[in-house]
Amino acid sequence: MTAYLHIGTTNTGNQEKQGFLMQNEEKLLQKAYIYPKSLRVANRHWALVDMVLELVQKEDILKKESVLSHITNERLLRAIENFKSESALHKDKKFIFSAEGIVWDFSTKKHVEILEKIMRELGFTQIYIIVYFRDTLG
């Protein structure tokens, strides 16, 4: 499966983009894209951020065969199970994720490596990062 991961830098219209994606879910599906509901909190994919924040605390997590099996938070476990069901229905679609929490809460390479492992374990073989930078000085 393919994932497009919008990481949302500050003051670049993240909420507007996320709202647009939610409001156009049916049109996206018709074009073979999906803005998955199962990992969303409100209109963004905070569950991905929360998974990383839980796992980054665990020693040697990157050496583990599976990082998802080390998640203990019940809400996140439900989100993972719901995503597995949702993705099984939409394997033919390209997935779009958006979470500005990646910029706010990820401060180390380990955070990003854990996120990649999560995405791979969720079934993504192609992962594209989308970042929009706004010139706030010019």
Protein backbone atom coordinates (compact mmCIF):
# COMPACT_ATOMS: atom_id res chain seq x y z
CA MET A 1 0.00 0.00 0.00
CA THR A 2 1.00 3.60 -0.50
CA ALA A 3 0.89 6.36 2.13
CA TYR A 4 1.21 10.10 1.76
CA LEU A 5 2.14 11.58 5.12
CA HIS A 6 1.58 15.32 5.52
CA ILE A 7 3.55 16.44 8.57
CA GLY A 8 2.19 19.97 8.76
CA THR A 9 4.63 22.68 9.73
CA THR A 10 3.38 25.64 11.78
CA ASN A 11 1.20 28.31 10.13
CA THR A 12 0.82 26.53 6.79
CA GLY A 13 -2.94 25.92 6.79
CA ASN A 14 -2.93 22.46 8.35
CA GLN A 15 -6.46 22.60 9.71
CA GLU A 16 -7.78 23.90 6.40
CA LYS A 17 -6.08 21.04 4.52
CA GLN A 18 -7.38 18.50 7.01
CA GLY A 19 -10.89 19.95 6.87
CA PHE A 20 -10.79 19.87 3.07
CA LEU A 21 -9.75 16.21 3.10
CA MET A 22 -12.55 15.32 5.51
CA GLN A 23 -15.18 17.27 3.58
CA ASN A 24 -14.16 15.57 0.34
CA GLU A 25 -13.85 11.98 1.56
CA GLU A 26 -16.27 10.62 -1.05
CA LYS A 27 -14.54 12.43 -3.90
CA LEU A 28 -11.17 11.14 -2.69
CA LEU A 29 -12.50 7.57 -2.64
CA GLN A 30 -13.73 7.99 -6.22
CA LYS A 31 -10.17 8.97 -7.19
CA ALA A 32 -8.68 5.96 -5.31
CA TYR A 33 -7.47 7.91 -2.26
CA ILE A 34 -8.57 7.65 1.35
CA TYR A 35 -8.20 9.94 4.35
CA PRO A 36 -8.59 7.14 6.91
CA LYS A 37 -10.98 7.65 9.81
CA SER A 38 -9.63 4.96 12.12
CA LEU A 39 -6.43 6.76 13.19
CA ARG A 40 -7.97 10.23 13.39
CA VAL A 41 -8.63 12.28 16.46
CA ALA A 42 -10.86 15.14 15.32
CA ASN A 43 -9.71 15.76 11.75
CA ARG A 44 -6.05 14.74 12.02
CA HIS A 45 -4.14 11.52 12.58
CA TRP A 46 -3.02 12.07 16.17
CA ALA A 47 -3.11 8.34 16.87
CA LEU A 48 0.10 7.96 14.84
CA VAL A 49 1.78 10.65 16.93
CA ASP A 50 0.51 9.13 20.18
CA MET A 51 1.81 5.69 19.17
CA VAL A 52 5.29 7.10 18.59
CA LEU A 53 5.20 9.04 21.86
CA GLU A 54 4.34 5.86 23.76
CA LEU A 55 6.95 3.74 22.00
CA VAL A 56 9.82 6.23 22.12
CA GLN A 57 9.91 5.74 25.91
CA LYS A 58 10.67 2.03 25.55
CA GLU A 59 14.29 0.99 25.59
CA ASP A 60 15.58 -0.79 22.48
CA ILE A 61 12.20 -0.47 20.74
CA LEU A 62 13.86 -0.12 17.34
CA LYS A 63 15.50 -3.52 17.78
CA LYS A 64 12.12 -5.21 18.20
CA GLU A 65 10.64 -7.23 15.35
CA SER A 66 7.29 -5.52 15.89
CA VAL A 67 6.83 -2.12 17.49
CA LEU A 68 3.03 -2.24 17.36
CA SER A 69 3.00 -5.26 19.66
CA HIS A 70 4.55 -3.07 22.37
CA ILE A 71 1.72 -0.55 22.47
CA THR A 72 -0.32 -0.84 25.67
CA ASN A 73 -2.69 2.13 25.46
CA GLU A 74 -6.21 0.74 24.93
CA ARG A 75 -7.33 3.64 22.73
CA LEU A 76 -4.35 3.14 20.44
CA LEU A 77 -4.85 -0.63 20.33
CA ARG A 78 -8.47 -0.08 19.23
CA ALA A 79 -7.31 2.43 16.62
CA ILE A 80 -4.83 -0.11 15.22
CA GLU A 81 -7.49 -2.82 15.00
CA ASN A 82 -9.92 -0.40 13.38
CA PHE A 83 -7.25 0.64 10.89
CA LYS A 84 -6.56 -2.96 9.97
CA SER A 85 -10.25 -3.39 9.14
CA GLU A 86 -10.42 -0.09 7.27
CA SER A 87 -7.28 -0.78 5.25
CA ALA A 88 -8.50 -4.28 4.34
CA LEU A 89 -11.52 -2.64 2.70
CA HIS A 90 -9.36 -0.11 0.84
CA LYS A 91 -6.16 -1.95 -0.15
CA ASP A 92 -6.59 -0.55 -3.66
CA LYS A 93 -6.47 3.05 -2.39
CA LYS A 94 -3.63 5.44 -1.64
CA PHE A 95 -3.77 6.62 1.97
CA ILE A 96 -3.38 10.26 3.01
CA PHE A 97 -2.40 11.04 6.61
CA SER A 98 -1.97 14.44 8.23
CA ALA A 99 -0.69 15.30 11.70
CA GLU A 100 1.10 18.48 12.68
CA GLY A 101 1.98 16.77 15.97
CA ILE A 102 4.90 15.22 14.11
CA VAL A 103 6.49 18.66 13.92
CA TRP A 104 5.48 19.62 17.45
CA ASP A 105 6.36 16.43 19.31
CA PHE A 106 9.10 14.63 17.38
CA SER A 107 12.51 15.88 18.45
CA THR A 108 14.81 12.97 17.61
CA LYS A 109 15.69 10.66 14.76
CA LYS A 110 14.30 7.83 16.91
CA HIS A 111 10.81 9.37 16.71
CA VAL A 112 10.92 9.31 12.91
CA GLU A 113 12.36 5.79 12.77
CA ILE A 114 9.57 4.52 15.03
CA LEU A 115 6.97 6.22 12.84
CA GLU A 116 8.43 4.53 9.78
CA LYS A 117 8.31 1.12 11.51
CA ILE A 118 4.68 1.75 12.49
CA MET A 119 3.77 2.65 8.92
CA ARG A 120 5.55 -0.43 7.55
CA GLU A 121 3.81 -2.68 10.09
CA LEU A 122 0.48 -1.18 9.08
CA GLY A 123 1.20 -2.45 5.58
CA PHE A 124 2.74 0.49 3.73
CA THR A 125 5.53 -0.30 1.31
CA GLN A 126 5.69 3.17 -0.23
CA ILE A 127 5.69 6.19 2.08
CA TYR A 128 5.87 9.73 0.75
CA ILE A 129 6.42 12.69 3.06
CA ILE A 130 4.62 15.93 2.20
CA VAL A 131 5.90 19.10 3.82
CA TYR A 132 4.94 22.68 3.06
CA PHE A 133 7.31 25.36 4.33
CA ARG A 134 6.10 28.91 4.66
CA ASP A 135 8.52 31.81 4.53
CA THR A 136 7.65 33.63 7.74
CA LEU A 137 10.58 36.04 7.49
CA GLY A 138 10.04 37.37 3.97
